[in-house]
Each structure stands twice: as structure tokens, then as C-alpha cells.
Amino acid sequence: FGVGFAGTPDIDIYLGVASVYLTIAQVMGLLGLAAFFAIILTVFGYAYFNRHNFKANERLDPVWLGLHAALVGALVAGVLDHYLFNLEFHHAVTIFWFFIGLATAATRVGIAAAKSSE
């Protein structure tokens, strides 16, 4: 189940991992890692199945693409860095989840705009 958010036991030879995904697995366990991947897949699945709403909208399409590209960049950077899940840098964690919310909201705005233009 992981070691928890309080941290690992104080051992002098402990070295942290430098990957978001390994850090999540270490702290929250495999169940937490599966929940993280489920949330990410839900966000991108929602965007993928509604992408047709943005092709005709010249104002929303760049915003929508930019937000999802930023998420992809953060997730790729997470392979070699743990900055977006380090509890010592809680502002970076907040920004990551803020972008998750913005990307989901942009998808919802695009769906609403497509329905209103019909």
C-alpha cells in the first residue's frame, strides 16, 4: 500500500526516486498509482471523444490543444522528474491539478459551444 504521506522511515541509506510514477507508487502504493492513471485516462479519454467539437471553433481549438499539450508535457517530464508530486513543492502539485481542471473545463466549454451553435 505504500509508505504513506508522512514519509519513509528515517534510514541513512534512503534515496528517493526521480520519477513521478515511481514516487506515487512508493507513497500511495499500486492502488494509488492505478487511481492516478485512471484520472489521467479519464481526462484524455473525455477530450479524445469530444475532439470533433473543436475543429470548427478557431477560438477554442488553440486553448484546448495547448492545455492538453501542457498536460502531455508534464506527464512526459514526470518520467524523469518528481517535481509535480513532491509534497515539499506543493505549489507545483497544485498547478498540475489546476491544469487538469482547466483541460477538463476547456473540453466542457467546447461541448457547450458546439451544442449552442447547432
PDB file of N, CA and C in Angstrom:
ATOM      1  N   PHE A   1       0.799  -1.198   0.000  1.00  0.00           N
ATOM      2  CA  PHE A   1       0.000   0.000   0.000  1.00  0.00           C
ATOM      3  C   PHE A   1       0.844   1.266   0.000  1.00  0.00           C
ATOM      4  N   GLY A   2       2.132   1.208   0.001  1.00  0.00           N
ATOM      5  CA  GLY A   2       2.983   2.394   0.032  1.00  0.00           C
ATOM      6  C   GLY A   2       3.349   2.753   1.463  1.00  0.00           C
ATOM      7  N   VAL A   3       4.217   3.744   1.620  1.00  0.00           N
ATOM      8  CA  VAL A   3       4.679   4.131   2.947  1.00  0.00           C
ATOM      9  C   VAL A   3       3.845   5.253   3.539  1.00  0.00           C
ATOM     10  N   GLY A   4       2.968   5.862   2.783  1.00  0.00           N
ATOM     11  CA  GLY A   4       2.106   6.926   3.283  1.00  0.00           C
ATOM     12  C   GLY A   4       2.696   8.298   3.047  1.00  0.00           C
ATOM     13  N   PHE A   5       1.889   9.308   3.318  1.00  0.00           N
ATOM     14  CA  PHE A   5       2.311  10.678   3.057  1.00  0.00           C
ATOM     15  C   PHE A   5       3.236  11.234   4.126  1.00  0.00           C
ATOM     16  N   ALA A   6       3.354  10.569   5.257  1.00  0.00           N
ATOM     17  CA  ALA A   6       4.251  11.038   6.311  1.00  0.00           C
ATOM     18  C   ALA A   6       5.707  10.836   5.927  1.00  0.00           C
ATOM     19  N   GLY A   7       5.974  10.011   4.960  1.00  0.00           N
ATOM     20  CA  GLY A   7       7.334   9.789   4.507  1.00  0.00           C
ATOM     21  C   GLY A   7       7.838   8.413   4.880  1.00  0.00           C
ATOM     22  N   THR A   8       8.986   8.120   4.386  1.00  0.00           N
ATOM     23  CA  THR A   8       9.591   6.825   4.654  1.00  0.00           C
ATOM     24  C   THR A   8      10.262   6.844   6.021  1.00  0.00           C
ATOM     25  N   PRO A   9      10.506   5.692   6.583  1.00  0.00           N
ATOM     26  CA  PRO A   9      11.253   5.647   7.846  1.00  0.00           C
ATOM     27  C   PRO A   9      12.631   6.284   7.668  1.00  0.00           C
ATOM     28  N   ASP A  10      13.127   6.868   8.711  1.00  0.00           N
ATOM     29  CA  ASP A  10      14.404   7.565   8.638  1.00  0.00           C
ATOM     30  C   ASP A  10      15.553   6.562   8.646  1.00  0.00           C
ATOM     31  N   ILE A  11      16.055   6.273   7.469  1.00  0.00           N
ATOM     32  CA  ILE A  11      17.199   5.382   7.307  1.00  0.00           C
ATOM     33  C   ILE A  11      18.259   6.174   6.551  1.00  0.00           C
ATOM     34  N   ASP A  12      19.476   6.094   6.975  1.00  0.00           N
ATOM     35  CA  ASP A  12      20.531   6.902   6.377  1.00  0.00           C
ATOM     36  C   ASP A  12      20.813   6.559   4.922  1.00  0.00           C
ATOM     37  N   ILE A  13      20.485   5.368   4.492  1.00  0.00           N
ATOM     38  CA  ILE A  13      20.820   4.986   3.123  1.00  0.00           C
ATOM     39  C   ILE A  13      19.652   5.183   2.154  1.00  0.00           C
ATOM     40  N   TYR A  14      18.583   5.829   2.602  1.00  0.00           N
ATOM     41  CA  TYR A  14      17.414   6.020   1.746  1.00  0.00           C
ATOM     42  C   TYR A  14      17.717   7.015   0.634  1.00  0.00           C
ATOM     43  N   LEU A  15      17.405   6.631  -0.562  1.00  0.00           N
ATOM     44  CA  LEU A  15      17.481   7.524  -1.713  1.00  0.00           C
ATOM     45  C   LEU A  15      16.104   7.577  -2.350  1.00  0.00           C
ATOM     46  N   GLY A  16      15.619   8.769  -2.613  1.00  0.00           N
ATOM     47  CA  GLY A  16      14.317   8.912  -3.247  1.00  0.00           C
ATOM     48  C   GLY A  16      14.393   8.584  -4.730  1.00  0.00           C
ATOM     49  N   VAL A  17      13.247   8.359  -5.302  1.00  0.00           N
ATOM     50  CA  VAL A  17      13.187   8.089  -6.730  1.00  0.00           C
ATOM     51  C   VAL A  17      12.958   9.399  -7.463  1.00  0.00           C
ATOM     52  N   ALA A  18      13.362   9.443  -8.709  1.00  0.00           N
ATOM     53  CA  ALA A  18      13.253  10.662  -9.503  1.00  0.00           C
ATOM     54  C   ALA A  18      12.244  10.483 -10.626  1.00  0.00           C
ATOM     55  N   SER A  19      11.107   9.920 -10.323  1.00  0.00           N
ATOM     56  CA  SER A  19      10.044   9.742 -11.295  1.00  0.00           C
ATOM     57  C   SER A  19       8.715   9.946 -10.583  1.00  0.00           C
ATOM     58  N   VAL A  20       7.833  10.712 -11.207  1.00  0.00           N
ATOM     59  CA  VAL A  20       6.518  10.933 -10.607  1.00  0.00           C
ATOM     60  C   VAL A  20       5.815   9.614 -10.376  1.00  0.00           C
ATOM     61  N   TYR A  21       5.886   8.731 -11.342  1.00  0.00           N
ATOM     62  CA  TYR A  21       5.137   7.482 -11.275  1.00  0.00           C
ATOM     63  C   TYR A  21       5.699   6.544 -10.211  1.00  0.00           C
ATOM     64  N   LEU A  22       7.010   6.498 -10.087  1.00  0.00           N
ATOM     65  CA  LEU A  22       7.605   5.689  -9.023  1.00  0.00           C
ATOM     66  C   LEU A  22       7.371   6.320  -7.651  1.00  0.00           C
ATOM     67  N   THR A  23       7.358   7.654  -7.600  1.00  0.00           N
ATOM     68  CA  THR A  23       7.070   8.329  -6.339  1.00  0.00           C
ATOM     69  C   THR A  23       5.637   8.068  -5.896  1.00  0.00           C
ATOM     70  N   ILE A  24       4.696   8.125  -6.834  1.00  0.00           N
ATOM     71  CA  ILE A  24       3.300   7.831  -6.493  1.00  0.00           C
ATOM     72  C   ILE A  24       3.180   6.391  -6.010  1.00  0.00           C
ATOM     73  N   ALA A  25       3.834   5.473  -6.705  1.00  0.00           N
ATOM     74  CA  ALA A  25       3.785   4.066  -6.294  1.00  0.00           C
ATOM     75  C   ALA A  25       4.431   3.870  -4.925  1.00  0.00           C
ATOM     76  N   GLN A  26       5.500   4.608  -4.648  1.00  0.00           N
ATOM     77  CA  GLN A  26       6.180   4.489  -3.360  1.00  0.00           C
ATOM     78  C   GLN A  26       5.319   5.045  -2.230  1.00  0.00           C
ATOM     79  N   VAL A  27       4.707   6.189  -2.445  1.00  0.00           N
ATOM     80  CA  VAL A  27       3.960   6.856  -1.384  1.00  0.00           C
ATOM     81  C   VAL A  27       2.552   6.292  -1.228  1.00  0.00           C
ATOM     82  N   MET A  28       1.863   6.091  -2.349  1.00  0.00           N
ATOM     83  CA  MET A  28       0.453   5.691  -2.295  1.00  0.00           C
ATOM     84  C   MET A  28       0.227   4.227  -2.631  1.00  0.00           C
ATOM     85  N   GLY A  29       1.252   3.553  -3.087  1.00  0.00           N
ATOM     86  CA  GLY A  29       1.106   2.146  -3.446  1.00  0.00           C
ATOM     87  C   GLY A  29       0.569   1.980  -4.862  1.00  0.00           C
ATOM     88  N   LEU A  30       0.424   0.741  -5.261  1.00  0.00           N
ATOM     89  CA  LEU A  30      -0.045   0.460  -6.616  1.00  0.00           C
ATOM     90  C   LEU A  30      -1.496   0.874  -6.816  1.00  0.00           C
ATOM     91  N   LEU A  31      -2.283   0.831  -5.760  1.00  0.00           N
ATOM     92  CA  LEU A  31      -3.670   1.278  -5.859  1.00  0.00           C
ATOM     93  C   LEU A  31      -3.732   2.782  -6.137  1.00  0.00           C
ATOM     94  N   GLY A  32      -2.898   3.548  -5.490  1.00  0.00           N
ATOM     95  CA  GLY A  32      -2.824   4.986  -5.741  1.00  0.00           C
ATOM     96  C   GLY A  32      -2.330   5.297  -7.137  1.00  0.00           C
ATOM     97  N   LEU A  33      -1.346   4.527  -7.606  1.00  0.00           N
ATOM     98  CA  LEU A  33      -0.847   4.713  -8.968  1.00  0.00           C
ATOM     99  C   LEU A  33      -1.930   4.382  -9.985  1.00  0.00           C
ATOM    100  N   ALA A  34      -2.691   3.326  -9.726  1.00  0.00           N
ATOM    101  CA  ALA A  34      -3.797   2.965 -10.619  1.00  0.00           C
ATOM    102  C   ALA A  34      -4.869   4.055 -10.618  1.00  0.00           C
ATOM    103  N   ALA A  35      -5.150   4.645  -9.465  1.00  0.00           N
ATOM    104  CA  ALA A  35      -6.128   5.737  -9.395  1.00  0.00           C
ATOM    105  C   ALA A  35      -5.639   6.960 -10.164  1.00  0.00           C
ATOM    106  N   PHE A  36      -4.347   7.274 -10.047  1.00  0.00           N
ATOM    107  CA  PHE A  36      -3.768   8.393 -10.792  1.00  0.00           C
ATOM    108  C   PHE A  36      -3.904   8.157 -12.290  1.00  0.00           C
ATOM    109  N   PHE A  37      -3.537   6.959 -12.749  1.00  0.00           N
ATOM    110  CA  PHE A  37      -3.659   6.656 -14.178  1.00  0.00           C
ATOM    111  C   PHE A  37      -5.113   6.667 -14.627  1.00  0.00           C
ATOM    112  N   ALA A  38      -6.024   6.238 -13.778  1.00  0.00           N
ATOM    113  CA  ALA A  38      -7.449   6.261 -14.131  1.00  0.00           C
ATOM    114  C   ALA A  38      -7.933   7.694 -14.326  1.00  0.00           C
ATOM    115  N   ILE A  39      -7.492   8.601 -13.471  1.00  0.00           N
ATOM    116  CA  ILE A  39      -7.884  10.008 -13.617  1.00  0.00           C
ATOM    117  C   ILE A  39      -7.311  10.591 -14.899  1.00  0.00           C
ATOM    118  N   ILE A  40      -6.036  10.322 -15.163  1.00  0.00           N
ATOM    119  CA  ILE A  40      -5.404  10.855 -16.370  1.00  0.00           C
ATOM    120  C   ILE A  40      -6.071  10.283 -17.617  1.00  0.00           C
ATOM    121  N   LEU A  41      -6.338   8.985 -17.625  1.00  0.00           N
ATOM    122  CA  LEU A  41      -7.007   8.378 -18.779  1.00  0.00           C
ATOM    123  C   LEU A  41      -8.422   8.910 -18.950  1.00  0.00           C
ATOM    124  N   THR A  42      -9.103   9.206 -17.870  1.00  0.00           N
ATOM    125  CA  THR A  42     -10.442   9.786 -17.964  1.00  0.00           C
ATOM    126  C   THR A  42     -10.397  11.173 -18.596  1.00  0.00           C
ATOM    127  N   VAL A  43      -9.444  11.995 -18.178  1.00  0.00           N
ATOM    128  CA  VAL A  43      -9.320  13.347 -18.733  1.00  0.00           C
ATOM    129  C   VAL A  43      -9.018  13.285 -20.226  1.00  0.00           C
ATOM    130  N   PHE A  44      -8.045  12.465 -20.612  1.00  0.00           N
ATOM    131  CA  PHE A  44      -7.687  12.389 -22.028  1.00  0.00           C
ATOM    132  C   PHE A  44      -8.730  11.631 -22.847  1.00  0.00           C
ATOM    133  N   GLY A  45      -9.392  10.660 -22.258  1.00  0.00           N
ATOM    134  CA  GLY A  45     -10.469   9.970 -22.962  1.00  0.00           C
ATOM    135  C   GLY A  45     -11.635  10.901 -23.229  1.00  0.00           C
ATOM    136  N   TYR A  46     -11.984  11.715 -22.248  1.00  0.00           N
ATOM    137  CA  TYR A  46     -13.050  12.699 -22.402  1.00  0.00           C
ATOM    138  C   TYR A  46     -12.695  13.690 -23.511  1.00  0.00           C
ATOM    139  N   ALA A  47     -11.448  14.120 -23.541  1.00  0.00           N
ATOM    140  CA  ALA A  47     -11.002  15.046 -24.584  1.00  0.00           C
ATOM    141  C   ALA A  47     -10.991  14.370 -25.951  1.00  0.00           C
ATOM    142  N   TYR A  48     -10.557  13.129 -26.009  1.00  0.00           N
ATOM    143  CA  TYR A  48     -10.464  12.414 -27.287  1.00  0.00           C
ATOM    144  C   TYR A  48     -11.841  12.203 -27.913  1.00  0.00           C
ATOM    145  N   PHE A  49     -12.796  11.798 -27.108  1.00  0.00           N
ATOM    146  CA  PHE A  49     -14.121  11.518 -27.651  1.00  0.00           C
ATOM    147  C   PHE A  49     -14.901  12.783 -27.991  1.00  0.00           C
ATOM    148  N   ASN A  50     -14.433  13.931 -27.534  1.00  0.00           N
ATOM    149  CA  ASN A  50     -15.108  15.190 -27.839  1.00  0.00           C
ATOM    150  C   ASN A  50     -14.256  16.128 -28.682  1.00  0.00           C
ATOM    151  N   ARG A  51     -13.191  15.634 -29.278  1.00  0.00           N
ATOM    152  CA  ARG A  51     -12.289  16.482 -30.052  1.00  0.00           C
ATOM    153  C   ARG A  51     -12.945  17.073 -31.290  1.00  0.00           C
ATOM    154  N   HIS A  52     -13.965  16.425 -31.839  1.00  0.00           N
ATOM    155  CA  HIS A  52     -14.626  16.923 -33.044  1.00  0.00           C
ATOM    156  C   HIS A  52     -15.332  18.259 -32.792  1.00  0.00           C
ATOM    157  N   ASN A  53     -15.610  18.593 -31.554  1.00  0.00           N
ATOM    158  CA  ASN A  53     -16.261  19.866 -31.234  1.00  0.00           C
ATOM    159  C   ASN A  53     -15.328  21.057 -31.401  1.00  0.00           C
ATOM    160  N   PHE A  54     -14.045  20.834 -31.534  1.00  0.00           N
ATOM    161  CA  PHE A  54     -13.079  21.926 -31.577  1.00  0.00           C
ATOM    162  C   PHE A  54     -12.554  22.217 -32.971  1.00  0.00           C
ATOM    163  N   LYS A  55     -12.780  21.352 -33.914  1.00  0.00           N
ATOM    164  CA  LYS A  55     -12.206  21.544 -35.247  1.00  0.00           C
ATOM    165  C   LYS A  55     -12.754  22.787 -35.934  1.00  0.00           C
ATOM    166  N   ALA A  56     -14.015  23.121 -35.707  1.00  0.00           N
ATOM    167  CA  ALA A  56     -14.623  24.279 -36.363  1.00  0.00           C
ATOM    168  C   ALA A  56     -14.496  25.557 -35.539  1.00  0.00           C
ATOM    169  N   ASN A  57     -14.086  25.462 -34.318  1.00  0.00           N
ATOM    170  CA  ASN A  57     -14.019  26.621 -33.435  1.00  0.00           C
ATOM    171  C   ASN A  57     -12.590  27.146 -33.388  1.00  0.00           C
ATOM    172  N   GLU A  58     -12.359  28.270 -34.062  1.00  0.00           N
ATOM    173  CA  GLU A  58     -10.999  28.820 -34.162  1.00  0.00           C
ATOM    174  C   GLU A  58     -10.532  29.481 -32.867  1.00  0.00           C
ATOM    175  N   ARG A  59     -11.453  29.848 -31.999  1.00  0.00           N
ATOM    176  CA  ARG A  59     -11.062  30.488 -30.746  1.00  0.00           C
ATOM    177  C   ARG A  59     -10.728  29.479 -29.660  1.00  0.00           C
ATOM    178  N   LEU A  60     -11.484  28.402 -29.580  1.00  0.00           N
ATOM    179  CA  LEU A  60     -11.276  27.435 -28.501  1.00  0.00           C
ATOM    180  C   LEU A  60     -10.239  26.366 -28.838  1.00  0.00           C
ATOM    181  N   ASP A  61     -10.069  26.083 -30.114  1.00  0.00           N
ATOM    182  CA  ASP A  61      -9.170  24.988 -30.505  1.00  0.00           C
ATOM    183  C   ASP A  61      -7.735  25.186 -30.008  1.00  0.00           C
ATOM    184  N   PRO A  62      -7.118  26.375 -30.191  1.00  0.00           N
ATOM    185  CA  PRO A  62      -5.739  26.524 -29.693  1.00  0.00           C
ATOM    186  C   PRO A  62      -5.627  26.420 -28.173  1.00  0.00           C
ATOM    187  N   VAL A  63      -6.627  26.930 -27.462  1.00  0.00           N
ATOM    188  CA  VAL A  63      -6.606  26.846 -25.995  1.00  0.00           C
ATOM    189  C   VAL A  63      -6.704  25.392 -25.561  1.00  0.00           C
ATOM    190  N   TRP A  64      -7.634  24.675 -26.164  1.00  0.00           N
ATOM    191  CA  TRP A  64      -7.853  23.262 -25.836  1.00  0.00           C
ATOM    192  C   TRP A  64      -6.599  22.439 -26.145  1.00  0.00           C
ATOM    193  N   LEU A  65      -6.034  22.651 -27.334  1.00  0.00           N
ATOM    194  CA  LEU A  65      -4.815  21.913 -27.699  1.00  0.00           C
ATOM    195  C   LEU A  65      -3.648  22.278 -26.786  1.00  0.00           C
ATOM    196  N   GLY A  66      -3.509  23.557 -26.464  1.00  0.00           N
ATOM    197  CA  GLY A  66      -2.416  23.995 -25.599  1.00  0.00           C
ATOM    198  C   GLY A  66      -2.493  23.412 -24.200  1.00  0.00           C
ATOM    199  N   LEU A  67      -3.692  23.372 -23.642  1.00  0.00           N
ATOM    200  CA  LEU A  67      -3.848  22.803 -22.299  1.00  0.00           C
ATOM    201  C   LEU A  67      -3.531  21.314 -22.283  1.00  0.00           C
ATOM    202  N   HIS A  68      -3.994  20.602 -23.281  1.00  0.00           N
ATOM    203  CA  HIS A  68      -3.715  19.165 -23.318  1.00  0.00           C
ATOM    204  C   HIS A  68      -2.247  18.887 -23.667  1.00  0.00           C
ATOM    205  N   ALA A  69      -1.654  19.748 -24.487  1.00  0.00           N
ATOM    206  CA  ALA A  69      -0.222  19.595 -24.772  1.00  0.00           C
ATOM    207  C   ALA A  69       0.607  19.859 -23.516  1.00  0.00           C
ATOM    208  N   ALA A  70       0.185  20.824 -22.701  1.00  0.00           N
ATOM    209  CA  ALA A  70       0.885  21.089 -21.438  1.00  0.00           C
ATOM    210  C   ALA A  70       0.793  19.890 -20.507  1.00  0.00           C
ATOM    211  N   LEU A  71      -0.370  19.248 -20.477  1.00  0.00           N
ATOM    212  CA  LEU A  71      -0.515  18.045 -19.649  1.00  0.00           C
ATOM    213  C   LEU A  71       0.371  16.917 -20.151  1.00  0.00           C
ATOM    214  N   VAL A  72       0.410  16.740 -21.465  1.00  0.00           N
ATOM    215  CA  VAL A  72       1.276  15.697 -22.027  1.00  0.00           C
ATOM    216  C   VAL A  72       2.732  15.997 -21.681  1.00  0.00           C
ATOM    217  N   GLY A  73       3.129  17.257 -21.805  1.00  0.00           N
ATOM    218  CA  GLY A  73       4.495  17.638 -21.450  1.00  0.00           C
ATOM    219  C   GLY A  73       4.817  17.374 -19.992  1.00  0.00           C
ATOM    220  N   ALA A  74       3.878  17.692 -19.109  1.00  0.00           N
ATOM    221  CA  ALA A  74       4.097  17.439 -17.680  1.00  0.00           C
ATOM    222  C   ALA A  74       4.180  15.950 -17.392  1.00  0.00           C
ATOM    223  N   LEU A  75       3.347  15.158 -18.058  1.00  0.00           N
ATOM    224  CA  LEU A  75       3.368  13.711 -17.822  1.00  0.00           C
ATOM    225  C   LEU A  75       4.633  13.070 -18.380  1.00  0.00           C
ATOM    226  N   VAL A  76       5.121  13.573 -19.504  1.00  0.00           N
ATOM    227  CA  VAL A  76       6.377  13.046 -20.062  1.00  0.00           C
ATOM    228  C   VAL A  76       7.553  13.464 -19.177  1.00  0.00           C
ATOM    229  N   ALA A  77       7.542  14.711 -18.715  1.00  0.00           N
ATOM    230  CA  ALA A  77       8.612  15.164 -17.819  1.00  0.00           C
ATOM    231  C   ALA A  77       8.600  14.389 -16.511  1.00  0.00           C
ATOM    232  N   GLY A  78       7.433  13.900 -16.117  1.00  0.00           N
ATOM    233  CA  GLY A  78       7.312  13.131 -14.886  1.00  0.00           C
ATOM    234  C   GLY A  78       8.026  11.800 -14.911  1.00  0.00           C
ATOM    235  N   VAL A  79       8.403  11.341 -16.093  1.00  0.00           N
ATOM    236  CA  VAL A  79       9.149  10.081 -16.184  1.00  0.00           C
ATOM    237  C   VAL A  79      10.517  10.235 -15.525  1.00  0.00           C
ATOM    238  N   LEU A  80      11.121  11.408 -15.669  1.00  0.00           N
ATOM    239  CA  LEU A  80      12.470  11.618 -15.147  1.00  0.00           C
ATOM    240  C   LEU A  80      12.541  12.627 -14.001  1.00  0.00           C
ATOM    241  N   ASP A  81      11.402  13.138 -13.564  1.00  0.00           N
ATOM    242  CA  ASP A  81      11.401  14.139 -12.507  1.00  0.00           C
ATOM    243  C   ASP A  81      10.190  13.927 -11.610  1.00  0.00           C
ATOM    244  N   HIS A  82      10.341  14.201 -10.332  1.00  0.00           N
ATOM    245  CA  HIS A  82       9.243  14.024  -9.390  1.00  0.00           C
ATOM    246  C   HIS A  82       8.709  15.353  -8.874  1.00  0.00           C
ATOM    247  N   TYR A  83       9.013  16.426  -9.536  1.00  0.00           N
ATOM    248  CA  TYR A  83       8.677  17.772  -9.078  1.00  0.00           C
ATOM    249  C   TYR A  83       7.170  17.980  -8.941  1.00  0.00           C
ATOM    250  N   LEU A  84       6.372  17.378  -9.834  1.00  0.00           N
ATOM    251  CA  LEU A  84       4.928  17.605  -9.827  1.00  0.00           C
ATOM    252  C   LEU A  84       4.187  16.746  -8.807  1.00  0.00           C
ATOM    253  N   PHE A  85       4.891  15.946  -8.035  1.00  0.00           N
ATOM    254  CA  PHE A  85       4.250  15.165  -6.979  1.00  0.00           C
ATOM    255  C   PHE A  85       5.042  15.222  -5.680  1.00  0.00           C
ATOM    256  N   ASN A  86       5.958  16.119  -5.574  1.00  0.00           N
ATOM    257  CA  ASN A  86       6.763  16.258  -4.365  1.00  0.00           C
ATOM    258  C   ASN A  86       6.002  17.129  -3.368  1.00  0.00           C
ATOM    259  N   LEU A  87       5.720  16.599  -2.196  1.00  0.00           N
ATOM    260  CA  LEU A  87       4.934  17.338  -1.214  1.00  0.00           C
ATOM    261  C   LEU A  87       5.675  18.537  -0.637  1.00  0.00           C
ATOM    262  N   GLU A  88       6.988  18.615  -0.839  1.00  0.00           N
ATOM    263  CA  GLU A  88       7.731  19.793  -0.416  1.00  0.00           C
ATOM    264  C   GLU A  88       7.486  20.962  -1.363  1.00  0.00           C
ATOM    265  N   PHE A  89       7.077  20.677  -2.587  1.00  0.00           N
ATOM    266  CA  PHE A  89       6.761  21.695  -3.590  1.00  0.00           C
ATOM    267  C   PHE A  89       5.267  21.630  -3.892  1.00  0.00           C
ATOM    268  N   HIS A  90       4.460  21.873  -2.876  1.00  0.00           N
ATOM    269  CA  HIS A  90       3.018  21.709  -3.036  1.00  0.00           C
ATOM    270  C   HIS A  90       2.428  22.661  -4.063  1.00  0.00           C
ATOM    271  N   HIS A  91       3.082  23.809  -4.316  1.00  0.00           N
ATOM    272  CA  HIS A  91       2.571  24.723  -5.329  1.00  0.00           C
ATOM    273  C   HIS A  91       2.657  24.104  -6.722  1.00  0.00           C
ATOM    274  N   ALA A  92       3.671  23.306  -6.987  1.00  0.00           N
ATOM    275  CA  ALA A  92       3.776  22.637  -8.286  1.00  0.00           C
ATOM    276  C   ALA A  92       2.707  21.558  -8.430  1.00  0.00           C
ATOM    277  N   VAL A  93       2.417  20.866  -7.355  1.00  0.00           N
ATOM    278  CA  VAL A  93       1.346  19.863  -7.378  1.00  0.00           C
ATOM    279  C   VAL A  93       0.013  20.555  -7.641  1.00  0.00           C
ATOM    280  N   THR A  94      -0.191  21.702  -7.011  1.00  0.00           N
ATOM    281  CA  THR A  94      -1.423  22.464  -7.211  1.00  0.00           C
ATOM    282  C   THR A  94      -1.549  22.926  -8.654  1.00  0.00           C
ATOM    283  N   ILE A  95      -0.471  23.391  -9.236  1.00  0.00           N
ATOM    284  CA  ILE A  95      -0.504  23.834 -10.634  1.00  0.00           C
ATOM    285  C   ILE A  95      -0.816  22.671 -11.557  1.00  0.00           C
ATOM    286  N   PHE A  96      -0.273  21.500 -11.295  1.00  0.00           N
ATOM    287  CA  PHE A  96      -0.563  20.334 -12.129  1.00  0.00           C
ATOM    288  C   PHE A  96      -2.052  20.009 -12.102  1.00  0.00           C
ATOM    289  N   TRP A  97      -2.634  19.943 -10.908  1.00  0.00           N
ATOM    290  CA  TRP A  97      -4.063  19.623 -10.810  1.00  0.00           C
ATOM    291  C   TRP A  97      -4.930  20.762 -11.319  1.00  0.00           C
ATOM    292  N   PHE A  98      -4.441  21.977 -11.235  1.00  0.00           N
ATOM    293  CA  PHE A  98      -5.140  23.112 -11.820  1.00  0.00           C
ATOM    294  C   PHE A  98      -5.216  22.953 -13.339  1.00  0.00           C
ATOM    295  N   PHE A  99      -4.138  22.522 -13.964  1.00  0.00           N
ATOM    296  CA  PHE A  99      -4.143  22.281 -15.409  1.00  0.00           C
ATOM    297  C   PHE A  99      -5.054  21.120 -15.780  1.00  0.00           C
ATOM    298  N   ILE A 100      -5.127  20.107 -14.930  1.00  0.00           N
ATOM    299  CA  ILE A 100      -6.086  19.018 -15.166  1.00  0.00           C
ATOM    300  C   ILE A 100      -7.505  19.591 -15.201  1.00  0.00           C
ATOM    301  N   GLY A 101      -7.821  20.441 -14.236  1.00  0.00           N
ATOM    302  CA  GLY A 101      -9.138  21.066 -14.189  1.00  0.00           C
ATOM    303  C   GLY A 101      -9.393  21.983 -15.366  1.00  0.00           C
ATOM    304  N   LEU A 102      -8.386  22.764 -15.759  1.00  0.00           N
ATOM    305  CA  LEU A 102      -8.546  23.649 -16.910  1.00  0.00           C
ATOM    306  C   LEU A 102      -8.770  22.869 -18.198  1.00  0.00           C
ATOM    307  N   ALA A 103      -8.045  21.791 -18.384  1.00  0.00           N
ATOM    308  CA  ALA A 103      -8.216  20.983 -19.592  1.00  0.00           C
ATOM    309  C   ALA A 103      -9.607  20.369 -19.645  1.00  0.00           C
ATOM    310  N   THR A 104     -10.089  19.886 -18.516  1.00  0.00           N
ATOM    311  CA  THR A 104     -11.439  19.323 -18.468  1.00  0.00           C
ATOM    312  C   THR A 104     -12.485  20.407 -18.700  1.00  0.00           C
ATOM    313  N   ALA A 105     -12.286  21.572 -18.102  1.00  0.00           N
ATOM    314  CA  ALA A 105     -13.227  22.677 -18.299  1.00  0.00           C
ATOM    315  C   ALA A 105     -13.223  23.150 -19.746  1.00  0.00           C
ATOM    316  N   ALA A 106     -12.054  23.188 -20.377  1.00  0.00           N
ATOM    317  CA  ALA A 106     -11.988  23.589 -21.786  1.00  0.00           C
ATOM    318  C   ALA A 106     -12.753  22.611 -22.664  1.00  0.00           C
ATOM    319  N   THR A 107     -12.675  21.337 -22.351  1.00  0.00           N
ATOM    320  CA  THR A 107     -13.438  20.343 -23.106  1.00  0.00           C
ATOM    321  C   THR A 107     -14.929  20.569 -22.914  1.00  0.00           C
ATOM    322  N   ARG A 108     -15.334  20.846 -21.702  1.00  0.00           N
ATOM    323  CA  ARG A 108     -16.763  21.095 -21.439  1.00  0.00           C
ATOM    324  C   ARG A 108     -17.248  22.363 -22.121  1.00  0.00           C
ATOM    325  N   VAL A 109     -16.429  23.406 -22.148  1.00  0.00           N
ATOM    326  CA  VAL A 109     -16.801  24.647 -22.832  1.00  0.00           C
ATOM    327  C   VAL A 109     -16.947  24.395 -24.330  1.00  0.00           C
ATOM    328  N   GLY A 110     -16.045  23.601 -24.897  1.00  0.00           N
ATOM    329  CA  GLY A 110     -16.145  23.265 -26.318  1.00  0.00           C
ATOM    330  C   GLY A 110     -17.401  22.489 -26.647  1.00  0.00           C
ATOM    331  N   ILE A 111     -17.789  21.582 -25.775  1.00  0.00           N
ATOM    332  CA  ILE A 111     -19.027  20.816 -25.981  1.00  0.00           C
ATOM    333  C   ILE A 111     -20.230  21.754 -25.924  1.00  0.00           C
ATOM    334  N   ALA A 112     -20.236  22.661 -24.941  1.00  0.00           N
ATOM    335  CA  ALA A 112     -21.346  23.609 -24.814  1.00  0.00           C
ATOM    336  C   ALA A 112     -21.406  24.557 -26.011  1.00  0.00           C
ATOM    337  N   ALA A 113     -20.245  25.006 -26.497  1.00  0.00           N
ATOM    338  CA  ALA A 113     -20.218  25.899 -27.656  1.00  0.00           C
ATOM    339  C   ALA A 113     -20.704  25.184 -28.907  1.00  0.00           C
ATOM    340  N   ALA A 114     -20.353  23.920 -29.058  1.00  0.00           N
ATOM    341  CA  ALA A 114     -20.807  23.157 -30.227  1.00  0.00           C
ATOM    342  C   ALA A 114     -22.314  22.932 -30.175  1.00  0.00           C
ATOM    343  N   LYS A 115     -22.851  22.694 -28.993  1.00  0.00           N
ATOM    344  CA  LYS A 115     -24.304  22.496 -28.862  1.00  0.00           C
ATOM    345  C   LYS A 115     -25.070  23.787 -29.116  1.00  0.00           C
ATOM    346  N   SER A 116     -24.512  24.921 -28.691  1.00  0.00           N
ATOM    347  CA  SER A 116     -25.208  26.193 -28.889  1.00  0.00           C
ATOM    348  C   SER A 116     -25.148  26.666 -30.339  1.00  0.00           C
ATOM    349  N   SER A 117     -24.144  26.237 -31.088  1.00  0.00           N
ATOM    350  CA  SER A 117     -24.034  26.643 -32.496  1.00  0.00           C
ATOM    351  C   SER A 117     -24.868  25.774 -33.423  1.00  0.00           C
ATOM    352  N   GLU A 118     -25.407  24.682 -32.921  1.00  0.00           N
ATOM    353  CA  GLU A 118     -26.217  23.793 -33.765  1.00  0.00           C
ATOM    354  C   GLU A 118     -27.586  24.343 -33.986  1.00  0.00           C
TER     355      GLU A 118
END
